[in-house]
Amino acid sequence: MKKTISTLLAIAFALTTAGAVYAASGKCTVVSVEGNKVTLDCGSNAGDFPVGTDVKIKSASKKAVEGC
């Protein structure tokens, strides 16, 4: 009985914490930079990012093309 309850609790814990791992993602455009503040325009996805949350920014890479 104890094994069944502990297994069910472990599954419930895993399912409830799995939802917290997913983060909002979207493509945004830098609108302005003032000192250490960056303003982004995310369009209709702006509601996915509540105030005060941490955001990871990955810049678009530009590939160099070499000629012959």
PDB file of N, CA and C in Angstrom:
ATOM      1  N   MET A   1       0.812  -1.189   0.000  1.00  0.00           N
ATOM      2  CA  MET A   1       0.000   0.000   0.000  1.00  0.00           C
ATOM      3  C   MET A   1       0.862   1.263   0.000  1.00  0.00           C
ATOM      4  N   LYS A   2       1.944   1.251   0.800  1.00  0.00           N
ATOM      5  CA  LYS A   2       2.820   2.417   0.874  1.00  0.00           C
ATOM      6  C   LYS A   2       3.536   2.647  -0.452  1.00  0.00           C
ATOM      7  N   LYS A   3       3.913   1.568  -1.146  1.00  0.00           N
ATOM      8  CA  LYS A   3       4.582   1.709  -2.440  1.00  0.00           C
ATOM      9  C   LYS A   3       3.642   2.327  -3.466  1.00  0.00           C
ATOM     10  N   THR A   4       2.392   1.943  -3.437  1.00  0.00           N
ATOM     11  CA  THR A   4       1.412   2.475  -4.383  1.00  0.00           C
ATOM     12  C   THR A   4       1.185   3.967  -4.143  1.00  0.00           C
ATOM     13  N   ILE A   5       1.045   4.351  -2.900  1.00  0.00           N
ATOM     14  CA  ILE A   5       0.827   5.761  -2.573  1.00  0.00           C
ATOM     15  C   ILE A   5       2.051   6.593  -2.932  1.00  0.00           C
ATOM     16  N   SER A   6       3.244   6.101  -2.614  1.00  0.00           N
ATOM     17  CA  SER A   6       4.451   6.861  -2.932  1.00  0.00           C
ATOM     18  C   SER A   6       4.653   6.969  -4.443  1.00  0.00           C
ATOM     19  N   THR A   7       4.303   5.923  -5.176  1.00  0.00           N
ATOM     20  CA  THR A   7       4.405   5.976  -6.640  1.00  0.00           C
ATOM     21  C   THR A   7       3.420   6.991  -7.201  1.00  0.00           C
ATOM     22  N   LEU A   8       2.197   6.992  -6.717  1.00  0.00           N
ATOM     23  CA  LEU A   8       1.195   7.954  -7.176  1.00  0.00           C
ATOM     24  C   LEU A   8       1.599   9.387  -6.836  1.00  0.00           C
ATOM     25  N   LEU A   9       2.161   9.591  -5.655  1.00  0.00           N
ATOM     26  CA  LEU A   9       2.628  10.923  -5.283  1.00  0.00           C
ATOM     27  C   LEU A   9       3.793  11.378  -6.162  1.00  0.00           C
ATOM     28  N   ALA A  10       4.688  10.469  -6.490  1.00  0.00           N
ATOM     29  CA  ALA A  10       5.817  10.809  -7.356  1.00  0.00           C
ATOM     30  C   ALA A  10       5.331  11.180  -8.759  1.00  0.00           C
ATOM     31  N   ILE A  11       4.358  10.451  -9.266  1.00  0.00           N
ATOM     32  CA  ILE A  11       3.809  10.754 -10.593  1.00  0.00           C
ATOM     33  C   ILE A  11       3.086  12.102 -10.564  1.00  0.00           C
ATOM     34  N   ALA A  12       2.313  12.353  -9.528  1.00  0.00           N
ATOM     35  CA  ALA A  12       1.601  13.628  -9.406  1.00  0.00           C
ATOM     36  C   ALA A  12       2.581  14.793  -9.322  1.00  0.00           C
ATOM     37  N   PHE A  13       3.661  14.619  -8.560  1.00  0.00           N
ATOM     38  CA  PHE A  13       4.683  15.661  -8.449  1.00  0.00           C
ATOM     39  C   PHE A  13       5.331  15.927  -9.797  1.00  0.00           C
ATOM     40  N   ALA A  14       5.669  14.877 -10.527  1.00  0.00           N
ATOM     41  CA  ALA A  14       6.310  15.037 -11.829  1.00  0.00           C
ATOM     42  C   ALA A  14       5.390  15.754 -12.816  1.00  0.00           C
ATOM     43  N   LEU A  15       4.117  15.439 -12.781  1.00  0.00           N
ATOM     44  CA  LEU A  15       3.177  16.071 -13.706  1.00  0.00           C
ATOM     45  C   LEU A  15       2.925  17.534 -13.368  1.00  0.00           C
ATOM     46  N   THR A  16       2.898  17.885 -12.097  1.00  0.00           N
ATOM     47  CA  THR A  16       2.645  19.275 -11.724  1.00  0.00           C
ATOM     48  C   THR A  16       3.855  20.165 -11.949  1.00  0.00           C
ATOM     49  N   THR A  17       5.056  19.632 -11.774  1.00  0.00           N
ATOM     50  CA  THR A  17       6.250  20.450 -11.991  1.00  0.00           C
ATOM     51  C   THR A  17       6.632  20.519 -13.459  1.00  0.00           C
ATOM     52  N   ALA A  18       6.169  19.605 -14.277  1.00  0.00           N
ATOM     53  CA  ALA A  18       6.516  19.626 -15.699  1.00  0.00           C
ATOM     54  C   ALA A  18       5.935  20.855 -16.381  1.00  0.00           C
ATOM     55  N   GLY A  19       4.782  21.322 -15.972  1.00  0.00           N
ATOM     56  CA  GLY A  19       4.169  22.500 -16.571  1.00  0.00           C
ATOM     57  C   GLY A  19       4.934  23.767 -16.271  1.00  0.00           C
ATOM     58  N   ALA A  20       5.626  23.816 -15.148  1.00  0.00           N
ATOM     59  CA  ALA A  20       6.381  25.007 -14.781  1.00  0.00           C
ATOM     60  C   ALA A  20       7.681  25.133 -15.565  1.00  0.00           C
ATOM     61  N   VAL A  21       8.135  24.065 -16.171  1.00  0.00           N
ATOM     62  CA  VAL A  21       9.406  24.084 -16.894  1.00  0.00           C
ATOM     63  C   VAL A  21       9.266  24.772 -18.240  1.00  0.00           C
ATOM     64  N   TYR A  22       8.120  24.629 -18.870  1.00  0.00           N
ATOM     65  CA  TYR A  22       7.922  25.219 -20.184  1.00  0.00           C
ATOM     66  C   TYR A  22       7.893  26.735 -20.084  1.00  0.00           C
ATOM     67  N   ALA A  23       8.578  27.388 -21.004  1.00  0.00           N
ATOM     68  CA  ALA A  23       8.628  28.845 -21.003  1.00  0.00           C
ATOM     69  C   ALA A  23       7.993  29.385 -22.271  1.00  0.00           C
ATOM     70  N   ALA A  24       7.541  30.607 -22.183  1.00  0.00           N
ATOM     71  CA  ALA A  24       6.984  31.252 -23.370  1.00  0.00           C
ATOM     72  C   ALA A  24       8.117  31.553 -24.336  1.00  0.00           C
ATOM     73  N   SER A  25       7.846  31.448 -25.584  1.00  0.00           N
ATOM     74  CA  SER A  25       8.855  31.792 -26.577  1.00  0.00           C
ATOM     75  C   SER A  25       8.194  32.578 -27.685  1.00  0.00           C
ATOM     76  N   GLY A  26       8.964  33.392 -28.328  1.00  0.00           N
ATOM     77  CA  GLY A  26       8.442  34.196 -29.412  1.00  0.00           C
ATOM     78  C   GLY A  26       9.564  34.964 -30.063  1.00  0.00           C
ATOM     79  N   LYS A  27       9.266  35.498 -31.210  1.00  0.00           N
ATOM     80  CA  LYS A  27      10.253  36.323 -31.899  1.00  0.00           C
ATOM     81  C   LYS A  27       9.925  37.773 -31.626  1.00  0.00           C
ATOM     82  N   CYS A  28      10.915  38.496 -31.143  1.00  0.00           N
ATOM     83  CA  CYS A  28      10.739  39.905 -30.797  1.00  0.00           C
ATOM     84  C   CYS A  28      11.773  40.735 -31.543  1.00  0.00           C
ATOM     85  N   THR A  29      11.492  42.014 -31.649  1.00  0.00           N
ATOM     86  CA  THR A  29      12.395  42.944 -32.319  1.00  0.00           C
ATOM     87  C   THR A  29      12.842  43.990 -31.310  1.00  0.00           C
ATOM     88  N   VAL A  30      14.132  44.311 -31.322  1.00  0.00           N
ATOM     89  CA  VAL A  30      14.656  45.340 -30.429  1.00  0.00           C
ATOM     90  C   VAL A  30      14.181  46.691 -30.940  1.00  0.00           C
ATOM     91  N   VAL A  31      13.507  47.453 -30.068  1.00  0.00           N
ATOM     92  CA  VAL A  31      12.983  48.759 -30.440  1.00  0.00           C
ATOM     93  C   VAL A  31      13.959  49.861 -30.041  1.00  0.00           C
ATOM     94  N   SER A  32      14.490  49.785 -28.806  1.00  0.00           N
ATOM     95  CA  SER A  32      15.429  50.802 -28.360  1.00  0.00           C
ATOM     96  C   SER A  32      16.356  50.234 -27.296  1.00  0.00           C
ATOM     97  N   VAL A  33      17.515  50.883 -27.170  1.00  0.00           N
ATOM     98  CA  VAL A  33      18.490  50.530 -26.141  1.00  0.00           C
ATOM     99  C   VAL A  33      18.888  51.818 -25.440  1.00  0.00           C
ATOM    100  N   GLU A  34      18.675  51.872 -24.124  1.00  0.00           N
ATOM    101  CA  GLU A  34      19.039  53.044 -23.322  1.00  0.00           C
ATOM    102  C   GLU A  34      19.871  52.575 -22.138  1.00  0.00           C
ATOM    103  N   GLY A  35      21.173  52.737 -22.216  1.00  0.00           N
ATOM    104  CA  GLY A  35      22.059  52.286 -21.145  1.00  0.00           C
ATOM    105  C   GLY A  35      22.013  50.775 -21.027  1.00  0.00           C
ATOM    106  N   ASN A  36      21.494  50.275 -19.906  1.00  0.00           N
ATOM    107  CA  ASN A  36      21.402  48.827 -19.722  1.00  0.00           C
ATOM    108  C   ASN A  36      19.965  48.322 -19.869  1.00  0.00           C
ATOM    109  N   LYS A  37      19.072  49.125 -20.473  1.00  0.00           N
ATOM    110  CA  LYS A  37      17.684  48.733 -20.719  1.00  0.00           C
ATOM    111  C   LYS A  37      17.464  48.507 -22.201  1.00  0.00           C
ATOM    112  N   VAL A  38      16.831  47.393 -22.516  1.00  0.00           N
ATOM    113  CA  VAL A  38      16.495  47.057 -23.898  1.00  0.00           C
ATOM    114  C   VAL A  38      14.980  46.937 -23.989  1.00  0.00           C
ATOM    115  N   THR A  39      14.383  47.618 -24.960  1.00  0.00           N
ATOM    116  CA  THR A  39      12.947  47.539 -25.172  1.00  0.00           C
ATOM    117  C   THR A  39      12.677  46.648 -26.368  1.00  0.00           C
ATOM    118  N   LEU A  40      11.819  45.632 -26.173  1.00  0.00           N
ATOM    119  CA  LEU A  40      11.497  44.674 -27.226  1.00  0.00           C
ATOM    120  C   LEU A  40      10.048  44.834 -27.657  1.00  0.00           C
ATOM    121  N   ASP A  41       9.788  44.605 -28.942  1.00  0.00           N
ATOM    122  CA  ASP A  41       8.423  44.569 -29.461  1.00  0.00           C
ATOM    123  C   ASP A  41       8.135  43.130 -29.855  1.00  0.00           C
ATOM    124  N   CYS A  42       7.220  42.482 -29.112  1.00  0.00           N
ATOM    125  CA  CYS A  42       6.895  41.076 -29.353  1.00  0.00           C
ATOM    126  C   CYS A  42       5.533  40.909 -30.020  1.00  0.00           C
ATOM    127  N   GLY A  43       4.905  41.987 -30.397  1.00  0.00           N
ATOM    128  CA  GLY A  43       3.617  41.911 -31.082  1.00  0.00           C
ATOM    129  C   GLY A  43       2.549  41.292 -30.213  1.00  0.00           C
ATOM    130  N   SER A  44       1.815  40.357 -30.771  1.00  0.00           N
ATOM    131  CA  SER A  44       0.708  39.736 -30.041  1.00  0.00           C
ATOM    132  C   SER A  44       1.184  38.753 -28.970  1.00  0.00           C
ATOM    133  N   ASN A  45       2.466  38.394 -28.956  1.00  0.00           N
ATOM    134  CA  ASN A  45       3.012  37.466 -27.959  1.00  0.00           C
ATOM    135  C   ASN A  45       3.411  38.168 -26.668  1.00  0.00           C
ATOM    136  N   ALA A  46       3.214  39.474 -26.564  1.00  0.00           N
ATOM    137  CA  ALA A  46       3.658  40.229 -25.393  1.00  0.00           C
ATOM    138  C   ALA A  46       2.980  39.748 -24.117  1.00  0.00           C
ATOM    139  N   GLY A  47       1.761  39.260 -24.191  1.00  0.00           N
ATOM    140  CA  GLY A  47       1.054  38.777 -23.014  1.00  0.00           C
ATOM    141  C   GLY A  47       1.645  37.509 -22.430  1.00  0.00           C
ATOM    142  N   ASP A  48       2.492  36.806 -23.202  1.00  0.00           N
ATOM    143  CA  ASP A  48       3.121  35.578 -22.730  1.00  0.00           C
ATOM    144  C   ASP A  48       4.266  35.839 -21.759  1.00  0.00           C
ATOM    145  N   PHE A  49       4.719  37.091 -21.659  1.00  0.00           N
ATOM    146  CA  PHE A  49       5.854  37.445 -20.817  1.00  0.00           C
ATOM    147  C   PHE A  49       5.406  38.386 -19.707  1.00  0.00           C
ATOM    148  N   PRO A  50       5.051  37.856 -18.540  1.00  0.00           N
ATOM    149  CA  PRO A  50       4.628  38.724 -17.436  1.00  0.00           C
ATOM    150  C   PRO A  50       5.781  39.599 -16.946  1.00  0.00           C
ATOM    151  N   VAL A  51       5.448  40.734 -16.353  1.00  0.00           N
ATOM    152  CA  VAL A  51       6.451  41.667 -15.836  1.00  0.00           C
ATOM    153  C   VAL A  51       7.239  40.993 -14.726  1.00  0.00           C
ATOM    154  N   GLY A  52       8.566  41.123 -14.767  1.00  0.00           N
ATOM    155  CA  GLY A  52       9.428  40.598 -13.717  1.00  0.00           C
ATOM    156  C   GLY A  52      10.011  39.229 -13.994  1.00  0.00           C
ATOM    157  N   THR A  53       9.624  38.580 -15.088  1.00  0.00           N
ATOM    158  CA  THR A  53      10.187  37.262 -15.385  1.00  0.00           C
ATOM    159  C   THR A  53      11.522  37.418 -16.104  1.00  0.00           C
ATOM    160  N   ASP A  54      12.394  36.438 -15.930  1.00  0.00           N
ATOM    161  CA  ASP A  54      13.680  36.440 -16.613  1.00  0.00           C
ATOM    162  C   ASP A  54      13.496  35.988 -18.051  1.00  0.00           C
ATOM    163  N   VAL A  55      14.218  36.629 -18.963  1.00  0.00           N
ATOM    164  CA  VAL A  55      14.119  36.315 -20.381  1.00  0.00           C
ATOM    165  C   VAL A  55      15.515  36.040 -20.903  1.00  0.00           C
ATOM    166  N   LYS A  56      15.667  34.952 -21.648  1.00  0.00           N
ATOM    167  CA  LYS A  56      16.938  34.639 -22.279  1.00  0.00           C
ATOM    168  C   LYS A  56      16.867  35.130 -23.725  1.00  0.00           C
ATOM    169  N   ILE A  57      17.872  35.881 -24.144  1.00  0.00           N
ATOM    170  CA  ILE A  57      17.874  36.448 -25.485  1.00  0.00           C
ATOM    171  C   ILE A  57      18.996  35.807 -26.287  1.00  0.00           C
ATOM    172  N   LYS A  58      18.650  35.334 -27.461  1.00  0.00           N
ATOM    173  CA  LYS A  58      19.629  34.749 -28.366  1.00  0.00           C
ATOM    174  C   LYS A  58      19.627  35.601 -29.629  1.00  0.00           C
ATOM    175  N   SER A  59      20.772  36.182 -29.945  1.00  0.00           N
ATOM    176  CA  SER A  59      20.823  37.056 -31.111  1.00  0.00           C
ATOM    177  C   SER A  59      20.887  36.224 -32.389  1.00  0.00           C
ATOM    178  N   ALA A  60      20.366  36.793 -33.454  1.00  0.00           N
ATOM    179  CA  ALA A  60      20.396  36.121 -34.750  1.00  0.00           C
ATOM    180  C   ALA A  60      21.834  36.134 -35.251  1.00  0.00           C
ATOM    181  N   SER A  61      22.315  35.000 -35.702  1.00  0.00           N
ATOM    182  CA  SER A  61      23.689  34.939 -36.186  1.00  0.00           C
ATOM    183  C   SER A  61      23.728  35.251 -37.673  1.00  0.00           C
ATOM    184  N   LYS A  62      24.748  35.979 -38.046  1.00  0.00           N
ATOM    185  CA  LYS A  62      24.939  36.317 -39.456  1.00  0.00           C
ATOM    186  C   LYS A  62      26.096  35.470 -39.982  1.00  0.00           C
ATOM    187  N   LYS A  63      25.824  34.729 -41.031  1.00  0.00           N
ATOM    188  CA  LYS A  63      26.863  33.864 -41.591  1.00  0.00           C
ATOM    189  C   LYS A  63      27.593  34.610 -42.703  1.00  0.00           C
ATOM    190  N   ALA A  64      28.903  34.509 -42.663  1.00  0.00           N
ATOM    191  CA  ALA A  64      29.721  35.159 -43.678  1.00  0.00           C
ATOM    192  C   ALA A  64      29.782  34.266 -44.918  1.00  0.00           C
ATOM    193  N   VAL A  65      29.719  34.901 -46.068  1.00  0.00           N
ATOM    194  CA  VAL A  65      29.809  34.176 -47.326  1.00  0.00           C
ATOM    195  C   VAL A  65      31.134  34.529 -47.974  1.00  0.00           C
ATOM    196  N   GLU A  66      31.921  33.498 -48.253  1.00  0.00           N
ATOM    197  CA  GLU A  66      33.216  33.722 -48.875  1.00  0.00           C
ATOM    198  C   GLU A  66      33.123  33.468 -50.368  1.00  0.00           C
ATOM    199  N   GLY A  67      33.728  34.335 -51.113  1.00  0.00           N
ATOM    200  CA  GLY A  67      33.744  34.186 -52.566  1.00  0.00           C
ATOM    201  C   GLY A  67      35.024  33.524 -53.044  1.00  0.00           C
ATOM    202  N   CYS A  68      35.065  33.178 -54.295  1.00  0.00           N
ATOM    203  CA  CYS A  68      36.249  32.536 -54.865  1.00  0.00           C
ATOM    204  C   CYS A  68      37.281  33.550 -55.272  1.00  0.00           C
TER     205      CYS A  68
END
